[in-house]
Amino acid sequence: MAIRSEQSRQSILQATMKLLDERGPDSMSVQQLSIERIAREAGVSKTTIYRWWPSKAAVIIDTFLENHILHTTLRDDLPPVDALREHVISLAKVYSGHEGRLMAQLIAESQYDPTTLEAFKTLFWRPRREVVNRVIERAIAEGSIRDGFSPDELAERIYAPIYFQLLFREGSFDAKSIAAGFELALHGIARPSA
């Protein structure tokens, strides 16, 4: 495995983000973007990019993750339901702007490209899902969310409205609306009172 030059890596990630930034003069969609264009913008060879990433999708996902994770952390110092609520609101805030449109394009591209879908699941979806599932497991263990459902099933009920809004551009990503949606999902999965 090749040793990455951190300077080259940052140049590639910054070039990718610049090219995907719809506010820029050279903006392009995920579908339009190519490894050749990223290499030219970053001042590196295509071989350099392919040595570190297997596909265009992997470069884009790494670029996305470089910024996304910093703004959507799932805290472990809060009660689990509070941590989930805070995470859903922070995710919606990030998705209300450019990163949301980029995420929607990645999801769309993955629908007809199996390589992109697998890269998306491997690099982004599954690792984030594992973090969310651990918090849901804590909530089940403490009794704030009822048991009888898998963490995956519960996560789908909590996060699906955000991805629905992201893909269909329906509803609002403001904190109040997202918090209300979370409470609606929580009410449906909360342990029934005695």
N, C-alpha and C. Protein backbone atom coordinates (compact mmCIF):
# COMPACT_ATOMS: atom_id res chain seq x y z
N MET A 1 0.84 -1.18 0.00
CA MET A 1 0.00 0.00 0.00
C MET A 1 0.88 1.25 0.00
N ALA A 2 0.54 2.21 -0.83
CA ALA A 2 1.34 3.43 -0.94
C ALA A 2 1.14 4.31 0.27
N ILE A 3 2.19 5.00 0.63
CA ILE A 3 2.11 5.96 1.72
C ILE A 3 1.60 7.27 1.15
N ARG A 4 0.55 7.80 1.75
CA ARG A 4 -0.03 9.03 1.24
C ARG A 4 0.78 10.23 1.68
N SER A 5 0.97 11.17 0.78
CA SER A 5 1.48 12.48 1.14
C SER A 5 0.29 13.27 1.64
N GLU A 6 0.33 13.72 2.87
CA GLU A 6 -0.80 14.45 3.43
C GLU A 6 -1.10 15.71 2.63
N GLN A 7 -0.05 16.33 2.12
CA GLN A 7 -0.26 17.53 1.30
C GLN A 7 -1.02 17.19 0.02
N SER A 8 -0.63 16.11 -0.65
CA SER A 8 -1.34 15.69 -1.87
C SER A 8 -2.77 15.27 -1.54
N ARG A 9 -2.95 14.56 -0.44
CA ARG A 9 -4.29 14.13 -0.03
C ARG A 9 -5.20 15.34 0.17
N GLN A 10 -4.69 16.33 0.91
CA GLN A 10 -5.49 17.53 1.15
C GLN A 10 -5.78 18.27 -0.15
N SER A 11 -4.80 18.33 -1.04
CA SER A 11 -5.01 18.99 -2.34
C SER A 11 -6.13 18.30 -3.12
N ILE A 12 -6.15 16.98 -3.09
CA ILE A 12 -7.17 16.21 -3.81
C ILE A 12 -8.55 16.44 -3.19
N LEU A 13 -8.63 16.38 -1.87
CA LEU A 13 -9.91 16.59 -1.20
C LEU A 13 -10.43 18.01 -1.41
N GLN A 14 -9.53 18.99 -1.30
CA GLN A 14 -9.95 20.39 -1.50
C GLN A 14 -10.37 20.63 -2.95
N ALA A 15 -9.64 20.04 -3.90
CA ALA A 15 -10.01 20.20 -5.30
C ALA A 15 -11.38 19.58 -5.57
N THR A 16 -11.62 18.43 -4.99
CA THR A 16 -12.92 17.76 -5.18
C THR A 16 -14.04 18.61 -4.61
N MET A 17 -13.86 19.14 -3.41
CA MET A 17 -14.89 19.96 -2.80
C MET A 17 -15.12 21.24 -3.61
N LYS A 18 -14.03 21.83 -4.11
CA LYS A 18 -14.16 23.04 -4.92
C LYS A 18 -14.97 22.76 -6.19
N LEU A 19 -14.68 21.66 -6.84
CA LEU A 19 -15.37 21.32 -8.08
C LEU A 19 -16.85 20.99 -7.85
N LEU A 20 -17.16 20.46 -6.68
CA LEU A 20 -18.55 20.11 -6.37
C LEU A 20 -19.33 21.24 -5.73
N ASP A 21 -18.66 22.34 -5.40
CA ASP A 21 -19.32 23.46 -4.74
C ASP A 21 -20.13 24.24 -5.77
N GLU A 22 -21.45 24.14 -5.66
CA GLU A 22 -22.32 24.75 -6.67
C GLU A 22 -22.19 26.26 -6.74
N ARG A 23 -21.56 26.87 -5.75
CA ARG A 23 -21.40 28.32 -5.76
C ARG A 23 -20.20 28.75 -6.59
N GLY A 24 -19.34 27.80 -6.96
CA GLY A 24 -18.13 28.12 -7.70
C GLY A 24 -18.34 28.19 -9.20
N PRO A 25 -17.46 28.91 -9.90
CA PRO A 25 -17.60 29.06 -11.35
C PRO A 25 -17.35 27.76 -12.13
N ASP A 26 -16.57 26.84 -11.56
CA ASP A 26 -16.26 25.58 -12.23
C ASP A 26 -17.08 24.42 -11.68
N SER A 27 -18.18 24.73 -11.05
CA SER A 27 -18.99 23.72 -10.36
C SER A 27 -19.50 22.65 -11.31
N MET A 28 -19.52 21.43 -10.81
CA MET A 28 -20.09 20.32 -11.57
C MET A 28 -20.79 19.37 -10.60
N SER A 29 -21.64 18.54 -11.16
CA SER A 29 -22.36 17.56 -10.35
C SER A 29 -21.47 16.35 -10.08
N VAL A 30 -21.92 15.50 -9.19
CA VAL A 30 -21.22 14.25 -8.91
C VAL A 30 -21.08 13.44 -10.20
N GLN A 31 -22.14 13.40 -10.97
CA GLN A 31 -22.13 12.62 -12.21
C GLN A 31 -21.13 13.20 -13.22
N GLN A 32 -21.03 14.52 -13.30
CA GLN A 32 -20.13 15.16 -14.27
C GLN A 32 -18.66 15.05 -13.86
N LEU A 33 -18.40 14.99 -12.59
CA LEU A 33 -17.03 15.01 -12.09
C LEU A 33 -16.27 13.76 -12.54
N SER A 34 -14.99 13.94 -12.82
CA SER A 34 -14.16 12.80 -13.23
C SER A 34 -12.84 12.83 -12.45
N ILE A 35 -12.19 11.69 -12.40
CA ILE A 35 -10.87 11.61 -11.77
C ILE A 35 -9.90 12.53 -12.50
N GLU A 36 -10.01 12.59 -13.82
CA GLU A 36 -9.13 13.46 -14.62
C GLU A 36 -9.27 14.91 -14.19
N ARG A 37 -10.52 15.35 -13.99
CA ARG A 37 -10.77 16.76 -13.60
C ARG A 37 -10.26 17.02 -12.19
N ILE A 38 -10.44 16.07 -11.28
CA ILE A 38 -9.92 16.23 -9.92
C ILE A 38 -8.40 16.33 -9.95
N ALA A 39 -7.76 15.44 -10.71
CA ALA A 39 -6.29 15.43 -10.80
C ALA A 39 -5.77 16.77 -11.33
N ARG A 40 -6.41 17.27 -12.38
CA ARG A 40 -5.97 18.55 -12.96
C ARG A 40 -6.11 19.68 -11.95
N GLU A 41 -7.24 19.71 -11.26
CA GLU A 41 -7.48 20.78 -10.27
C GLU A 41 -6.52 20.68 -9.10
N ALA A 42 -6.19 19.46 -8.68
CA ALA A 42 -5.32 19.24 -7.52
C ALA A 42 -3.83 19.32 -7.87
N GLY A 43 -3.51 19.26 -9.16
CA GLY A 43 -2.11 19.28 -9.56
C GLY A 43 -1.38 17.98 -9.28
N VAL A 44 -2.12 16.86 -9.40
CA VAL A 44 -1.53 15.54 -9.19
C VAL A 44 -1.88 14.67 -10.40
N SER A 45 -1.29 13.51 -10.48
CA SER A 45 -1.61 12.60 -11.58
C SER A 45 -2.82 11.74 -11.22
N LYS A 46 -3.48 11.22 -12.25
CA LYS A 46 -4.58 10.27 -12.02
C LYS A 46 -4.07 9.05 -11.27
N THR A 47 -2.84 8.64 -11.59
CA THR A 47 -2.25 7.48 -10.92
C THR A 47 -2.17 7.69 -9.42
N THR A 48 -1.82 8.92 -9.01
CA THR A 48 -1.75 9.24 -7.58
C THR A 48 -3.10 9.04 -6.92
N ILE A 49 -4.15 9.52 -7.57
CA ILE A 49 -5.49 9.37 -7.00
C ILE A 49 -5.88 7.90 -6.93
N TYR A 50 -5.68 7.18 -8.02
CA TYR A 50 -6.07 5.76 -8.06
C TYR A 50 -5.22 4.90 -7.12
N ARG A 51 -4.06 5.36 -6.77
CA ARG A 51 -3.23 4.62 -5.82
C ARG A 51 -3.88 4.63 -4.43
N TRP A 52 -4.60 5.69 -4.13
CA TRP A 52 -5.18 5.85 -2.79
C TRP A 52 -6.67 5.58 -2.72
N TRP A 53 -7.38 5.79 -3.83
CA TRP A 53 -8.83 5.59 -3.85
C TRP A 53 -9.19 4.70 -5.04
N PRO A 54 -10.11 3.77 -4.87
CA PRO A 54 -10.44 2.85 -5.96
C PRO A 54 -11.36 3.46 -7.02
N SER A 55 -12.03 4.58 -6.68
CA SER A 55 -13.01 5.13 -7.61
C SER A 55 -13.25 6.61 -7.32
N LYS A 56 -13.91 7.25 -8.25
CA LYS A 56 -14.33 8.64 -8.07
C LYS A 56 -15.24 8.74 -6.84
N ALA A 57 -16.14 7.78 -6.71
CA ALA A 57 -17.08 7.81 -5.58
C ALA A 57 -16.35 7.80 -4.25
N ALA A 58 -15.28 6.99 -4.15
CA ALA A 58 -14.52 6.92 -2.90
C ALA A 58 -13.86 8.26 -2.58
N VAL A 59 -13.37 8.96 -3.60
CA VAL A 59 -12.77 10.29 -3.38
C VAL A 59 -13.84 11.25 -2.88
N ILE A 60 -14.99 11.24 -3.52
CA ILE A 60 -16.07 12.15 -3.14
C ILE A 60 -16.55 11.86 -1.72
N ILE A 61 -16.69 10.59 -1.39
CA ILE A 61 -17.16 10.22 -0.05
C ILE A 61 -16.13 10.64 1.00
N ASP A 62 -14.85 10.43 0.74
CA ASP A 62 -13.81 10.89 1.69
C ASP A 62 -13.85 12.41 1.84
N THR A 63 -14.06 13.10 0.73
CA THR A 63 -14.17 14.57 0.77
C THR A 63 -15.34 14.97 1.64
N PHE A 64 -16.46 14.30 1.44
CA PHE A 64 -17.67 14.57 2.22
C PHE A 64 -17.42 14.30 3.70
N LEU A 65 -16.83 13.14 3.99
CA LEU A 65 -16.60 12.75 5.38
C LEU A 65 -15.65 13.69 6.10
N GLU A 66 -14.69 14.21 5.38
CA GLU A 66 -13.71 15.12 5.97
C GLU A 66 -14.39 16.28 6.69
N ASN A 67 -15.50 16.75 6.13
CA ASN A 67 -16.23 17.87 6.72
C ASN A 67 -17.46 17.42 7.51
N HIS A 68 -18.15 16.45 7.00
CA HIS A 68 -19.44 16.03 7.54
C HIS A 68 -19.34 15.55 8.99
N ILE A 69 -18.42 14.66 9.27
CA ILE A 69 -18.33 14.04 10.59
C ILE A 69 -18.07 15.08 11.67
N LEU A 70 -17.30 16.11 11.34
CA LEU A 70 -16.99 17.15 12.32
C LEU A 70 -18.24 17.89 12.79
N HIS A 71 -19.22 17.99 11.90
CA HIS A 71 -20.41 18.78 12.21
C HIS A 71 -21.60 17.94 12.66
N THR A 72 -21.45 16.63 12.65
CA THR A 72 -22.57 15.77 13.01
C THR A 72 -22.13 14.66 13.97
N THR A 73 -21.40 15.03 14.97
CA THR A 73 -20.93 14.03 15.93
C THR A 73 -22.12 13.51 16.75
N LEU A 74 -21.99 12.30 17.20
CA LEU A 74 -23.00 11.69 18.05
C LEU A 74 -22.36 11.54 19.43
N ARG A 75 -22.76 12.40 20.35
CA ARG A 75 -22.09 12.50 21.64
C ARG A 75 -22.42 11.30 22.54
N ASP A 76 -21.40 10.87 23.29
CA ASP A 76 -21.63 9.78 24.24
C ASP A 76 -21.67 10.28 25.68
N ASP A 77 -21.61 11.61 25.86
CA ASP A 77 -21.68 12.19 27.20
C ASP A 77 -23.08 12.67 27.56
N LEU A 78 -24.05 12.37 26.70
CA LEU A 78 -25.44 12.74 26.95
C LEU A 78 -26.27 11.48 27.15
N PRO A 79 -27.43 11.60 27.80
CA PRO A 79 -28.36 10.46 27.79
C PRO A 79 -28.64 10.10 26.33
N PRO A 80 -28.82 8.82 26.03
CA PRO A 80 -28.90 8.40 24.63
C PRO A 80 -30.00 9.07 23.81
N VAL A 81 -31.18 9.28 24.37
CA VAL A 81 -32.25 9.92 23.60
C VAL A 81 -31.86 11.37 23.30
N ASP A 82 -31.25 12.06 24.26
CA ASP A 82 -30.79 13.43 24.02
C ASP A 82 -29.70 13.46 22.95
N ALA A 83 -28.81 12.48 22.97
CA ALA A 83 -27.74 12.41 21.97
C ALA A 83 -28.33 12.19 20.58
N LEU A 84 -29.33 11.31 20.47
CA LEU A 84 -29.98 11.07 19.18
C LEU A 84 -30.70 12.31 18.68
N ARG A 85 -31.42 12.98 19.58
CA ARG A 85 -32.14 14.21 19.20
C ARG A 85 -31.15 15.26 18.68
N GLU A 86 -30.07 15.47 19.42
CA GLU A 86 -29.07 16.45 19.01
C GLU A 86 -28.44 16.08 17.66
N HIS A 87 -28.19 14.78 17.47
CA HIS A 87 -27.59 14.32 16.22
C HIS A 87 -28.52 14.54 15.03
N VAL A 88 -29.77 14.23 15.19
CA VAL A 88 -30.75 14.42 14.11
C VAL A 88 -30.82 15.89 13.72
N ILE A 89 -30.84 16.77 14.71
CA ILE A 89 -30.91 18.21 14.43
C ILE A 89 -29.64 18.69 13.74
N SER A 90 -28.47 18.23 14.20
CA SER A 90 -27.21 18.66 13.57
C SER A 90 -27.10 18.12 12.14
N LEU A 91 -27.58 16.91 11.93
CA LEU A 91 -27.56 16.31 10.59
C LEU A 91 -28.44 17.13 9.64
N ALA A 92 -29.62 17.49 10.10
CA ALA A 92 -30.53 18.28 9.27
C ALA A 92 -29.92 19.64 8.95
N LYS A 93 -29.25 20.23 9.92
CA LYS A 93 -28.62 21.54 9.69
C LYS A 93 -27.57 21.43 8.58
N VAL A 94 -26.74 20.40 8.63
CA VAL A 94 -25.72 20.19 7.60
C VAL A 94 -26.39 19.91 6.25
N TYR A 95 -27.43 19.09 6.26
CA TYR A 95 -28.08 18.71 5.01
C TYR A 95 -28.93 19.83 4.41
N SER A 96 -29.16 20.89 5.13
CA SER A 96 -29.96 22.00 4.59
C SER A 96 -29.17 22.82 3.57
N GLY A 97 -27.87 22.63 3.49
CA GLY A 97 -27.05 23.41 2.57
C GLY A 97 -26.40 22.55 1.49
N HIS A 98 -25.23 22.99 1.07
CA HIS A 98 -24.49 22.36 -0.02
C HIS A 98 -24.23 20.87 0.25
N GLU A 99 -23.86 20.52 1.48
CA GLU A 99 -23.55 19.12 1.79
C GLU A 99 -24.77 18.22 1.59
N GLY A 100 -25.95 18.75 1.86
CA GLY A 100 -27.16 17.97 1.63
C GLY A 100 -27.39 17.69 0.16
N ARG A 101 -27.16 18.70 -0.66
CA ARG A 101 -27.32 18.49 -2.10
C ARG A 101 -26.27 17.51 -2.62
N LEU A 102 -25.07 17.57 -2.05
CA LEU A 102 -24.02 16.62 -2.43
C LEU A 102 -24.41 15.20 -2.00
N MET A 103 -24.94 15.06 -0.79
CA MET A 103 -25.38 13.75 -0.31
C MET A 103 -26.50 13.20 -1.21
N ALA A 104 -27.44 14.04 -1.59
CA ALA A 104 -28.53 13.59 -2.46
C ALA A 104 -27.97 13.10 -3.80
N GLN A 105 -26.97 13.79 -4.33
CA GLN A 105 -26.36 13.36 -5.59
C GLN A 105 -25.64 12.01 -5.43
N LEU A 106 -24.94 11.83 -4.31
CA LEU A 106 -24.27 10.56 -4.07
C LEU A 106 -25.27 9.41 -3.99
N ILE A 107 -26.37 9.64 -3.29
CA ILE A 107 -27.40 8.61 -3.19
C ILE A 107 -27.99 8.32 -4.57
N ALA A 108 -28.26 9.37 -5.33
CA ALA A 108 -28.81 9.18 -6.67
C ALA A 108 -27.84 8.41 -7.57
N GLU A 109 -26.56 8.79 -7.53
CA GLU A 109 -25.56 8.11 -8.35
C GLU A 109 -25.45 6.63 -7.97
N SER A 110 -25.61 6.34 -6.70
CA SER A 110 -25.45 4.96 -6.24
C SER A 110 -26.60 4.06 -6.67
N GLN A 111 -27.69 4.65 -7.14
CA GLN A 111 -28.84 3.85 -7.55
C GLN A 111 -28.60 3.11 -8.85
N TYR A 112 -27.71 3.63 -9.70
CA TYR A 112 -27.45 2.94 -10.96
C TYR A 112 -26.01 2.49 -11.11
N ASP A 113 -25.20 2.75 -10.08
CA ASP A 113 -23.79 2.34 -10.14
C ASP A 113 -23.48 1.49 -8.90
N PRO A 114 -23.42 0.17 -9.03
CA PRO A 114 -23.18 -0.71 -7.88
C PRO A 114 -21.87 -0.41 -7.16
N THR A 115 -20.84 0.03 -7.88
CA THR A 115 -19.57 0.36 -7.25
C THR A 115 -19.72 1.56 -6.31
N THR A 116 -20.45 2.57 -6.78
CA THR A 116 -20.70 3.75 -5.94
C THR A 116 -21.54 3.37 -4.73
N LEU A 117 -22.55 2.53 -4.93
CA LEU A 117 -23.39 2.10 -3.81
C LEU A 117 -22.57 1.37 -2.76
N GLU A 118 -21.71 0.46 -3.18
CA GLU A 118 -20.89 -0.28 -2.22
C GLU A 118 -19.90 0.64 -1.51
N ALA A 119 -19.29 1.57 -2.25
CA ALA A 119 -18.37 2.53 -1.62
C ALA A 119 -19.12 3.39 -0.61
N PHE A 120 -20.32 3.84 -0.97
CA PHE A 120 -21.13 4.66 -0.07
C PHE A 120 -21.47 3.91 1.21
N LYS A 121 -21.90 2.67 1.05
CA LYS A 121 -22.24 1.86 2.22
C LYS A 121 -21.02 1.56 3.08
N THR A 122 -19.91 1.21 2.45
CA THR A 122 -18.71 0.81 3.19
C THR A 122 -18.05 1.98 3.89
N LEU A 123 -17.90 3.10 3.18
CA LEU A 123 -17.16 4.23 3.73
C LEU A 123 -18.00 5.15 4.60
N PHE A 124 -19.28 5.27 4.29
CA PHE A 124 -20.12 6.23 5.01
C PHE A 124 -21.22 5.56 5.83
N TRP A 125 -22.10 4.86 5.15
CA TRP A 125 -23.34 4.41 5.80
C TRP A 125 -23.12 3.44 6.95
N ARG A 126 -22.39 2.34 6.72
CA ARG A 126 -22.24 1.32 7.76
C ARG A 126 -21.50 1.84 8.99
N PRO A 127 -20.39 2.56 8.83
CA PRO A 127 -19.72 3.08 10.04
C PRO A 127 -20.60 4.03 10.85
N ARG A 128 -21.36 4.90 10.16
CA ARG A 128 -22.24 5.82 10.88
C ARG A 128 -23.38 5.05 11.54
N ARG A 129 -23.87 4.03 10.85
CA ARG A 129 -24.96 3.22 11.39
C ARG A 129 -24.53 2.51 12.67
N GLU A 130 -23.30 2.02 12.70
CA GLU A 130 -22.79 1.34 13.90
C GLU A 130 -22.76 2.29 15.09
N VAL A 131 -22.35 3.52 14.87
CA VAL A 131 -22.30 4.51 15.96
C VAL A 131 -23.72 4.79 16.47
N VAL A 132 -24.65 5.00 15.56
CA VAL A 132 -26.05 5.25 15.93
C VAL A 132 -26.62 4.04 16.67
N ASN A 133 -26.35 2.84 16.17
CA ASN A 133 -26.89 1.63 16.81
C ASN A 133 -26.40 1.47 18.25
N ARG A 134 -25.15 1.83 18.51
CA ARG A 134 -24.64 1.74 19.89
C ARG A 134 -25.41 2.66 20.82
N VAL A 135 -25.75 3.85 20.34
CA VAL A 135 -26.52 4.79 21.17
C VAL A 135 -27.94 4.24 21.37
N ILE A 136 -28.52 3.69 20.33
CA ILE A 136 -29.86 3.10 20.46
C ILE A 136 -29.84 1.92 21.43
N GLU A 137 -28.80 1.11 21.37
CA GLU A 137 -28.67 0.00 22.32
C GLU A 137 -28.60 0.50 23.76
N ARG A 138 -27.90 1.60 23.98
CA ARG A 138 -27.85 2.21 25.32
C ARG A 138 -29.24 2.66 25.75
N ALA A 139 -29.99 3.26 24.82
CA ALA A 139 -31.34 3.74 25.13
C ALA A 139 -32.26 2.57 25.47
N ILE A 140 -32.14 1.47 24.74
CA ILE A 140 -32.94 0.28 25.04
C ILE A 140 -32.57 -0.26 26.42
N ALA A 141 -31.26 -0.34 26.69
CA ALA A 141 -30.79 -0.89 27.96
C ALA A 141 -31.27 -0.07 29.15
N GLU A 142 -31.35 1.25 28.99
CA GLU A 142 -31.80 2.08 30.11
C GLU A 142 -33.32 2.22 30.16
N GLY A 143 -34.02 1.69 29.15
CA GLY A 143 -35.48 1.69 29.16
C GLY A 143 -36.12 2.93 28.58
N SER A 144 -35.37 3.82 27.92
CA SER A 144 -35.97 5.03 27.36
C SER A 144 -36.55 4.78 25.96
N ILE A 145 -36.17 3.67 25.35
CA ILE A 145 -36.76 3.22 24.08
C ILE A 145 -37.13 1.76 24.29
N ARG A 146 -38.31 1.39 23.85
CA ARG A 146 -38.76 0.01 24.08
C ARG A 146 -37.92 -0.98 23.30
N ASP A 147 -37.86 -2.19 23.83
CA ASP A 147 -37.15 -3.25 23.13
C ASP A 147 -38.12 -3.99 22.22
N GLY A 148 -37.65 -5.06 21.60
CA GLY A 148 -38.49 -5.80 20.68
C GLY A 148 -38.23 -5.46 19.23
N PHE A 149 -37.41 -4.46 19.00
CA PHE A 149 -37.01 -4.08 17.64
C PHE A 149 -35.50 -4.01 17.60
N SER A 150 -34.92 -4.28 16.44
CA SER A 150 -33.46 -4.18 16.32
C SER A 150 -33.05 -2.72 16.26
N PRO A 151 -31.82 -2.40 16.65
CA PRO A 151 -31.34 -1.03 16.51
C PRO A 151 -31.47 -0.50 15.08
N ASP A 152 -31.23 -1.38 14.09
CA ASP A 152 -31.38 -0.95 12.69
C ASP A 152 -32.81 -0.50 12.40
N GLU A 153 -33.79 -1.26 12.86
CA GLU A 153 -35.19 -0.90 12.63
C GLU A 153 -35.54 0.43 13.28
N LEU A 154 -35.03 0.63 14.49
CA LEU A 154 -35.32 1.88 15.19
C LEU A 154 -34.61 3.06 14.53
N ALA A 155 -33.37 2.86 14.10
CA ALA A 155 -32.63 3.93 13.42
C ALA A 155 -33.35 4.34 12.14
N GLU A 156 -33.89 3.37 11.42
CA GLU A 156 -34.62 3.69 10.19
C GLU A 156 -35.80 4.60 10.48
N ARG A 157 -36.51 4.36 11.56
CA ARG A 157 -37.68 5.19 11.92
C ARG A 157 -37.26 6.60 12.31
N ILE A 158 -36.09 6.73 12.91
CA ILE A 158 -35.62 8.04 13.35
C ILE A 158 -35.05 8.85 12.19
N TYR A 159 -34.26 8.22 11.34
CA TYR A 159 -33.51 8.95 10.32
C TYR A 159 -34.18 9.01 8.95
N ALA A 160 -35.13 8.12 8.68
CA ALA A 160 -35.77 8.10 7.35
C ALA A 160 -36.41 9.44 6.98
N PRO A 161 -37.07 10.15 7.90
CA PRO A 161 -37.66 11.44 7.49
C PRO A 161 -36.63 12.44 6.97
N ILE A 162 -35.44 12.42 7.52
CA ILE A 162 -34.41 13.35 7.04
C ILE A 162 -34.02 13.03 5.61
N TYR A 163 -33.82 11.75 5.33
CA TYR A 163 -33.42 11.37 3.98
C TYR A 163 -34.57 11.54 2.99
N PHE A 164 -35.79 11.36 3.44
CA PHE A 164 -36.95 11.65 2.59
C PHE A 164 -36.95 13.12 2.20
N GLN A 165 -36.80 14.00 3.20
CA GLN A 165 -36.77 15.44 2.92
C GLN A 165 -35.60 15.81 2.03
N LEU A 166 -34.47 15.18 2.27
CA LEU A 166 -33.27 15.46 1.48
C LEU A 166 -33.48 15.10 0.01
N LEU A 167 -34.04 13.93 -0.25
CA LEU A 167 -34.19 13.47 -1.63
C LEU A 167 -35.36 14.10 -2.36
N PHE A 168 -36.44 14.37 -1.65
CA PHE A 168 -37.63 14.92 -2.30
C PHE A 168 -37.79 16.42 -2.10
N ARG A 169 -36.92 16.99 -1.26
CA ARG A 169 -36.97 18.44 -0.98
C ARG A 169 -38.35 18.86 -0.51
N GLU A 170 -38.89 18.05 0.38
CA GLU A 170 -40.18 18.32 0.99
C GLU A 170 -39.96 18.62 2.46
N GLY A 171 -40.69 19.58 2.99
CA GLY A 171 -40.58 19.90 4.40
C GLY A 171 -39.41 20.84 4.67
N SER A 172 -39.16 21.05 5.93
CA SER A 172 -38.15 22.01 6.36
C SER A 172 -37.06 21.34 7.18
N PHE A 173 -35.84 21.83 7.02
CA PHE A 173 -34.72 21.34 7.80
C PHE A 173 -34.44 22.23 9.01
N ASP A 174 -35.35 23.15 9.33
CA ASP A 174 -35.08 24.00 10.49
C ASP A 174 -35.16 23.15 11.76
N ALA A 175 -34.42 23.59 12.78
CA ALA A 175 -34.27 22.81 14.01
C ALA A 175 -35.61 22.47 14.66
N LYS A 176 -36.54 23.41 14.66
CA LYS A 176 -37.84 23.18 15.30
C LYS A 176 -38.61 22.05 14.60
N SER A 177 -38.63 22.08 13.27
CA SER A 177 -39.34 21.04 12.51
C SER A 177 -38.70 19.67 12.71
N ILE A 178 -37.38 19.65 12.67
CA ILE A 178 -36.66 18.38 12.83
C ILE A 178 -36.85 17.83 14.24
N ALA A 179 -36.78 18.70 15.24
CA ALA A 179 -37.00 18.26 16.62
C ALA A 179 -38.41 17.69 16.78
N ALA A 180 -39.40 18.36 16.15
CA ALA A 180 -40.78 17.86 16.22
C ALA A 180 -40.89 16.49 15.56
N GLY A 181 -40.22 16.31 14.43
CA GLY A 181 -40.23 15.01 13.76
C GLY A 181 -39.58 13.94 14.61
N PHE A 182 -38.50 14.31 15.30
CA PHE A 182 -37.84 13.35 16.18
C PHE A 182 -38.79 12.94 17.31
N GLU A 183 -39.48 13.90 17.89
CA GLU A 183 -40.41 13.59 18.98
C GLU A 183 -41.53 12.68 18.49
N LEU A 184 -41.97 12.89 17.26
CA LEU A 184 -43.00 12.03 16.68
C LEU A 184 -42.49 10.60 16.56
N ALA A 185 -41.26 10.45 16.04
CA ALA A 185 -40.67 9.10 15.94
C ALA A 185 -40.47 8.50 17.32
N LEU A 186 -39.99 9.29 18.26
CA LEU A 186 -39.76 8.81 19.62
C LEU A 186 -41.06 8.36 20.27
N HIS A 187 -42.12 9.12 20.07
CA HIS A 187 -43.40 8.75 20.66
C HIS A 187 -43.85 7.38 20.14
N GLY A 188 -43.54 7.11 18.90
CA GLY A 188 -43.93 5.84 18.32
C GLY A 188 -43.09 4.67 18.81
N ILE A 189 -41.88 4.94 19.30
CA ILE A 189 -41.01 3.85 19.75
C ILE A 189 -40.75 3.85 21.24
N ALA A 190 -41.34 4.83 21.94
CA ALA A 190 -41.11 4.91 23.39
C ALA A 190 -41.80 3.75 24.11
N ARG A 191 -41.23 3.34 25.24
CA ARG A 191 -41.85 2.30 26.05
C ARG A 191 -43.20 2.78 26.56
N PRO A 192 -44.26 1.98 26.37
CA PRO A 192 -45.58 2.39 26.86
C PRO A 192 -45.55 2.60 28.38
N SER A 193 -46.26 3.62 28.85
CA SER A 193 -46.29 3.84 30.30
C SER A 193 -47.18 2.81 30.96
N ALA A 194 -46.88 2.54 32.22
CA ALA A 194 -47.62 1.49 32.94
C ALA A 194 -49.05 1.92 33.20
